[in-house]
C-alpha atoms as a PDB file:
ATOM      1  CA  GLN A   1      14.882  16.122  -4.820  1.00  0.00           C
ATOM      2  CA  VAL A   2      11.666  15.280  -3.127  1.00  0.00           C
ATOM      3  CA  GLN A   3      11.620  12.375  -0.654  1.00  0.00           C
ATOM      4  CA  PHE A   4       9.029  10.986   1.755  1.00  0.00           C
ATOM      5  CA  VAL A   5      10.100   8.661   4.479  1.00  0.00           C
ATOM      6  CA  GLU A   6       7.580   6.696   6.501  1.00  0.00           C
ATOM      7  CA  SER A   7       8.367   5.244   9.947  1.00  0.00           C
ATOM      8  CA  GLY A   8       6.718   4.091  13.078  1.00  0.00           C
ATOM      9  CA  GLY A   9       5.318   0.626  11.960  1.00  0.00           C
ATOM     10  CA  GLY A  10       5.640  -2.450  13.886  1.00  0.00           C
ATOM     11  CA  LEU A  11       3.946  -5.509  15.445  1.00  0.00           C
ATOM     12  CA  VAL A  12       0.994  -4.870  17.758  1.00  0.00           C
ATOM     13  CA  GLN A  13      -1.858  -6.902  19.275  1.00  0.00           C
ATOM     14  CA  ALA A  14      -5.421  -6.228  18.238  1.00  0.00           C
ATOM     15  CA  GLY A  15      -6.806  -3.310  20.144  1.00  0.00           C
ATOM     16  CA  GLY A  16      -3.439  -1.677  20.368  1.00  0.00           C
ATOM     17  CA  SER A  17      -2.163   1.657  19.022  1.00  0.00           C
ATOM     18  CA  LEU A  18       0.600   2.896  16.717  1.00  0.00           C
ATOM     19  CA  ARG A  19       1.661   6.245  15.467  1.00  0.00           C
ATOM     20  CA  LEU A  20       3.193   6.559  11.977  1.00  0.00           C
ATOM     21  CA  SER A  21       5.215   9.439  10.735  1.00  0.00           C
ATOM     22  CA  CYS A  22       5.794  10.758   7.223  1.00  0.00           C
ATOM     23  CA  ALA A  23       8.771  13.085   6.936  1.00  0.00           C
ATOM     24  CA  ALA A  24       9.172  15.109   3.782  1.00  0.00           C
ATOM     25  CA  SER A  25      12.131  16.824   2.254  1.00  0.00           C
ATOM     26  CA  GLY A  26      12.416  18.860  -0.931  1.00  0.00           C
ATOM     27  CA  LEU A  27       8.887  20.340  -0.749  1.00  0.00           C
ATOM     28  CA  THR A  28       6.575  22.205   1.554  1.00  0.00           C
ATOM     29  CA  LEU A  29       4.081  19.727   2.896  1.00  0.00           C
ATOM     30  CA  ASP A  30       1.488  22.395   3.552  1.00  0.00           C
ATOM     31  CA  ASP A  31       1.173  23.154  -0.259  1.00  0.00           C
ATOM     32  CA  TYR A  32      -0.308  19.649  -0.846  1.00  0.00           C
ATOM     33  CA  ALA A  33      -2.996  17.354   0.284  1.00  0.00           C
ATOM     34  CA  ILE A  34      -1.199  14.442   1.949  1.00  0.00           C
ATOM     35  CA  GLY A  35      -2.627  10.962   1.910  1.00  0.00           C
ATOM     36  CA  TRP A  36      -1.880   7.757   3.740  1.00  0.00           C
ATOM     37  CA  PHE A  37      -2.552   4.645   1.771  1.00  0.00           C
ATOM     38  CA  ARG A  38      -1.985   0.995   2.674  1.00  0.00           C
ATOM     39  CA  GLU A  39      -1.463  -2.151   0.704  1.00  0.00           C
ATOM     40  CA  ALA A  40      -2.041  -5.565   2.172  1.00  0.00           C
ATOM     41  CA  VAL A  41      -0.689  -8.775   0.620  1.00  0.00           C
ATOM     42  CA  GLY A  42      -2.827  -9.739  -2.373  1.00  0.00           C
ATOM     43  CA  LYS A  43      -4.846  -6.560  -2.252  1.00  0.00           C
ATOM     44  CA  GLU A  44      -4.797  -3.329  -4.084  1.00  0.00           C
ATOM     45  CA  ARG A  45      -3.439  -0.134  -2.538  1.00  0.00           C
ATOM     46  CA  GLU A  46      -6.248   1.763  -0.779  1.00  0.00           C
ATOM     47  CA  GLY A  47      -6.635   5.231   0.514  1.00  0.00           C
ATOM     48  CA  VAL A  48      -6.926   5.380   4.374  1.00  0.00           C
ATOM     49  CA  VAL A  49      -6.781   9.100   5.522  1.00  0.00           C
ATOM     50  CA  CYS A  50      -5.978  12.404   3.928  1.00  0.00           C
ATOM     51  CA  ILE A  51      -5.333  15.928   5.129  1.00  0.00           C
ATOM     52  CA  SER A  52      -5.974  18.830   2.910  1.00  0.00           C
ATOM     53  CA  SER A  53      -3.778  21.769   2.191  1.00  0.00           C
ATOM     54  CA  SER A  54      -4.422  25.162   3.830  1.00  0.00           C
ATOM     55  CA  ASP A  55      -7.241  24.378   6.198  1.00  0.00           C
ATOM     56  CA  ASP A  56      -6.017  20.900   7.311  1.00  0.00           C
ATOM     57  CA  SER A  57      -9.494  19.463   6.859  1.00  0.00           C
ATOM     58  CA  THR A  58      -9.298  15.591   6.938  1.00  0.00           C
ATOM     59  CA  LEU A  59     -10.936  12.665   5.213  1.00  0.00           C
ATOM     60  CA  SER A  60     -11.036   9.057   6.404  1.00  0.00           C
ATOM     61  CA  ALA A  61     -11.985   5.853   4.729  1.00  0.00           C
ATOM     62  CA  ASP A  62     -15.045   4.179   6.315  1.00  0.00           C
ATOM     63  CA  SER A  63     -12.952   1.305   7.439  1.00  0.00           C
ATOM     64  CA  VAL A  64     -10.803   3.387   9.675  1.00  0.00           C
ATOM     65  CA  LYS A  65     -13.240   6.177  10.670  1.00  0.00           C
ATOM     66  CA  GLY A  66     -13.108   6.904  14.317  1.00  0.00           C
ATOM     67  CA  ARG A  67      -9.894   4.955  14.838  1.00  0.00           C
ATOM     68  CA  PHE A  68      -7.270   6.785  12.632  1.00  0.00           C
ATOM     69  CA  THR A  69      -6.360  10.421  12.906  1.00  0.00           C
ATOM     70  CA  ILE A  70      -4.089  12.400  10.617  1.00  0.00           C
ATOM     71  CA  SER A  71      -2.285  15.571  11.539  1.00  0.00           C
ATOM     72  CA  ARG A  72       0.551  17.884  10.531  1.00  0.00           C
ATOM     73  CA  ASP A  73       3.166  19.148  12.900  1.00  0.00           C
ATOM     74  CA  ASN A  74       3.598  22.895  13.498  1.00  0.00           C
ATOM     75  CA  ALA A  75       6.658  23.185  11.328  1.00  0.00           C
ATOM     76  CA  LYS A  76       4.667  21.475   8.492  1.00  0.00           C
ATOM     77  CA  THR A  77       7.565  19.037   7.906  1.00  0.00           C
ATOM     78  CA  THR A  78       5.847  15.845   9.153  1.00  0.00           C
ATOM     79  CA  VAL A  79       2.421  14.262   8.743  1.00  0.00           C
ATOM     80  CA  SER A  80       1.428  11.818  11.435  1.00  0.00           C
ATOM     81  CA  LEU A  81      -1.089   8.920  11.481  1.00  0.00           C
ATOM     82  CA  GLN A  82      -2.341   8.021  14.881  1.00  0.00           C
ATOM     83  CA  MET A  83      -3.967   4.553  14.790  1.00  0.00           C
ATOM     84  CA  LYS A  84      -5.914   3.132  17.705  1.00  0.00           C
ATOM     85  CA  ASP A  85      -8.108   0.004  18.256  1.00  0.00           C
ATOM     86  CA  LEU A  86      -6.123  -1.700  15.580  1.00  0.00           C
ATOM     87  CA  LYS A  87      -7.563  -4.784  13.942  1.00  0.00           C
ATOM     88  CA  PRO A  88      -5.888  -7.665  12.157  1.00  0.00           C
ATOM     89  CA  GLU A  89      -7.341  -6.410   8.879  1.00  0.00           C
ATOM     90  CA  ASP A  90      -5.295  -3.214   9.295  1.00  0.00           C
ATOM     91  CA  THR A  91      -2.227  -5.259   8.616  1.00  0.00           C
ATOM     92  CA  ALA A  92      -0.591  -3.767   5.552  1.00  0.00           C
ATOM     93  CA  VAL A  93       2.418  -1.694   4.379  1.00  0.00           C
ATOM     94  CA  TYR A  94       1.533   1.993   4.910  1.00  0.00           C
ATOM     95  CA  PHE A  95       2.565   4.740   2.487  1.00  0.00           C
ATOM     96  CA  CYS A  96       2.309   8.433   2.398  1.00  0.00           C
ATOM     97  CA  ALA A  97       2.216  10.533  -0.721  1.00  0.00           C
ATOM     98  CA  ALA A  98       1.405  14.063  -1.946  1.00  0.00           C
ATOM     99  CA  ASN A  99      -1.575  14.745  -4.191  1.00  0.00           C
ATOM    100  CA  LEU A 100      -0.228  16.732  -7.177  1.00  0.00           C
ATOM    101  CA  MET A 101      -3.707  17.412  -8.697  1.00  0.00           C
ATOM    102  CA  ARG A 102      -5.703  18.567  -5.750  1.00  0.00           C
ATOM    103  CA  ARG A 103      -5.165  20.714  -2.677  1.00  0.00           C
ATOM    104  CA  ARG A 104      -8.311  19.251  -1.018  1.00  0.00           C
ATOM    105  CA  CYS A 105      -8.796  15.587  -0.202  1.00  0.00           C
ATOM    106  CA  ASP A 106     -11.220  13.660  -2.363  1.00  0.00           C
ATOM    107  CA  SER A 107     -13.017  10.482  -1.500  1.00  0.00           C
ATOM    108  CA  SER A 108     -12.220   8.907  -4.798  1.00  0.00           C
ATOM    109  CA  TRP A 109      -8.732   8.105  -3.496  1.00  0.00           C
ATOM    110  CA  ARG A 110      -7.207   8.044  -6.957  1.00  0.00           C
ATOM    111  CA  ALA A 111      -3.681   6.814  -6.304  1.00  0.00           C
ATOM    112  CA  PHE A 112      -2.454   8.063  -9.695  1.00  0.00           C
ATOM    113  CA  GLU A 113      -3.030  11.575  -8.443  1.00  0.00           C
ATOM    114  CA  TYR A 114      -0.395  11.089  -5.773  1.00  0.00           C
ATOM    115  CA  ALA A 115       3.378  11.122  -6.107  1.00  0.00           C
ATOM    116  CA  TYR A 116       6.618  10.977  -4.108  1.00  0.00           C
ATOM    117  CA  TRP A 117       5.710   7.556  -2.521  1.00  0.00           C
ATOM    118  CA  GLY A 118       8.068   6.488   0.199  1.00  0.00           C
ATOM    119  CA  GLN A 119       9.209   2.976   0.879  1.00  0.00           C
ATOM    120  CA  GLY A 120       6.398   2.341   3.249  1.00  0.00           C
ATOM    121  CA  THR A 121       6.316   1.073   6.842  1.00  0.00           C
ATOM    122  CA  GLN A 122       4.945  -2.343   7.833  1.00  0.00           C
ATOM    123  CA  VAL A 123       2.083  -2.539  10.367  1.00  0.00           C
ATOM    124  CA  THR A 124       1.234  -5.993  11.551  1.00  0.00           C
ATOM    125  CA  VAL A 125      -1.753  -6.544  13.907  1.00  0.00           C
ATOM    126  CA  SER A 126      -1.991  -9.927  15.635  1.00  0.00           C
ATOM    127  CA  SER A 127      -5.268 -11.434  16.747  1.00  0.00           C
END
């Protein structure tokens, strides 16, 4: 059974940093493009950052470019999201998921291509 578990969320002041983790079981993370998405209250789920399979190339949404960094660990069991210079508009529940249709990240951020969504982790940025 495939399971993704997100962790690391919390409350932080604007300008602060957080590191989120996505731990996967039941599959080999390196075989998939892995995306982080977020969903704020009253808004649609949006793609944030993605890391491709094989070459670990990354893709970031314009809203987080230069502030968020995605990476895989050496054992390929965890994907991390390092967030810095956080803003109140970054407040959301953050989810990780695997793209079952592409091995390389795509800027279309089609959520329906992704599966194995975890329960999410709440990030709250106070002003």
